[in-house]
Amino acid sequence: MRTPHDIVIRPVVSEHSMEQFADRKYTFAVALDANKIEIKKAIEEIFGVKVEKVTTMRVLGKVKRMGMHSGKRPDWKKAIVKLTPDSKTIEFFEGMV
């Protein structure tokens, strides 16, 4: 059995994700094999909030070159979590706005 911290890897902090804070949407990098139900339960357990909707997407790793050698960054999965209107906010993101 996986723990919630195995499912939610890290928050994604970017310019676009910061704009979504007003809509009560938070972005996280999650495990590649995690589904929406697992992500919802993990976020609710870790942060103590109520999740209304989870949107997931696969992000393909970029091909990078260094001279004549090339490699590929790993693929990862991104989840955008929308909180219910009566839920409290996630305190982790409070100082970033």
Protein backbone atom coordinates (compact mmCIF):
# COMPACT_ATOMS: atom_id res chain seq x y z
CA MET A 1 0.00 0.00 0.00
CA ARG A 2 1.34 3.39 -0.97
CA THR A 3 1.33 6.33 1.37
CA PRO A 4 -0.06 9.72 0.28
CA HIS A 5 3.50 11.07 0.10
CA ASP A 6 4.36 8.38 -2.46
CA ILE A 7 1.53 9.63 -4.68
CA VAL A 8 2.07 13.40 -4.35
CA ILE A 9 5.72 14.06 -5.21
CA ARG A 10 6.06 17.85 -5.11
CA PRO A 11 4.17 21.09 -5.79
CA VAL A 12 4.65 22.72 -9.18
CA VAL A 13 5.41 26.42 -8.80
CA SER A 14 5.27 28.32 -12.08
CA GLU A 15 3.84 31.57 -13.32
CA HIS A 16 0.74 29.86 -14.70
CA SER A 17 0.10 27.82 -11.54
CA MET A 18 0.40 30.96 -9.39
CA GLU A 19 -2.35 32.64 -11.43
CA GLN A 20 -4.68 29.73 -10.68
CA PHE A 21 -4.52 30.27 -6.88
CA ALA A 22 -7.38 32.80 -7.18
CA ASP A 23 -9.58 30.02 -8.62
CA ARG A 24 -8.59 27.70 -5.73
CA LYS A 25 -6.57 25.46 -8.08
CA TYR A 26 -3.22 23.99 -7.02
CA THR A 27 -0.74 22.10 -9.18
CA PHE A 28 1.29 19.07 -8.08
CA ALA A 29 3.66 16.56 -9.67
CA VAL A 30 2.30 13.10 -8.90
CA ALA A 31 3.31 9.48 -9.48
CA LEU A 32 2.95 8.30 -13.08
CA ASP A 33 0.68 5.39 -12.15
CA ALA A 34 -1.58 7.34 -9.76
CA ASN A 35 -5.22 7.82 -10.76
CA LYS A 36 -7.57 10.71 -9.92
CA ILE A 37 -9.19 8.95 -6.96
CA GLU A 38 -5.82 8.21 -5.34
CA ILE A 39 -4.66 11.79 -5.93
CA LYS A 40 -7.84 13.21 -4.38
CA LYS A 41 -7.53 11.05 -1.25
CA ALA A 42 -3.81 11.85 -0.90
CA ILE A 43 -4.32 15.63 -1.13
CA GLU A 44 -7.21 15.53 1.34
CA GLU A 45 -5.16 13.48 3.80
CA ILE A 46 -1.92 15.47 3.54
CA PHE A 47 -3.36 19.00 3.63
CA GLY A 48 -6.74 18.47 5.35
CA VAL A 49 -8.81 20.10 2.59
CA LYS A 50 -11.84 19.10 0.50
CA VAL A 51 -11.13 18.44 -3.18
CA GLU A 52 -13.85 19.15 -5.75
CA LYS A 53 -12.10 18.13 -8.98
CA VAL A 54 -8.81 16.62 -10.14
CA THR A 55 -7.41 17.12 -13.65
CA THR A 56 -4.39 15.09 -14.70
CA MET A 57 -2.03 15.23 -17.66
CA ARG A 58 1.10 13.40 -18.78
CA VAL A 59 4.09 15.64 -19.47
CA LEU A 60 6.64 14.16 -21.85
CA GLY A 61 10.29 14.72 -20.99
CA LYS A 62 12.31 16.99 -23.25
CA VAL A 63 15.21 15.78 -25.35
CA LYS A 64 18.34 17.63 -24.26
CA ARG A 65 21.73 17.80 -25.93
CA MET A 66 25.18 18.45 -24.61
CA GLY A 67 27.50 18.65 -27.59
CA MET A 68 27.05 15.60 -29.74
CA HIS A 69 25.50 13.55 -26.92
CA SER A 70 21.76 13.66 -26.41
CA GLY A 71 19.52 12.36 -23.67
CA LYS A 72 15.94 12.59 -22.52
CA ARG A 73 14.49 13.94 -19.30
CA PRO A 74 12.00 11.63 -17.60
CA ASP A 75 8.26 11.77 -18.26
CA TRP A 76 6.10 12.92 -15.35
CA LYS A 77 2.46 13.44 -14.45
CA LYS A 78 0.89 16.73 -13.42
CA ALA A 79 -2.33 17.07 -11.41
CA ILE A 80 -4.36 20.27 -11.03
CA VAL A 81 -6.53 20.06 -7.92
CA LYS A 82 -9.58 22.33 -7.48
CA LEU A 83 -10.80 22.82 -3.91
CA THR A 84 -14.42 23.19 -2.88
CA PRO A 85 -15.62 26.74 -2.00
CA ASP A 86 -16.12 25.85 1.69
CA SER A 87 -12.68 24.24 2.04
CA LYS A 88 -9.72 25.99 3.62
CA THR A 89 -6.73 26.90 1.44
CA ILE A 90 -3.43 25.05 1.38
CA GLU A 91 -1.06 26.89 3.72
CA PHE A 92 2.03 25.75 1.81
CA PHE A 93 1.22 28.16 -1.03
CA GLU A 94 0.18 31.15 1.16
CA GLY A 95 3.50 33.04 1.18
CA MET A 96 4.12 32.65 -2.56
CA VAL A 97 1.31 34.84 -3.85
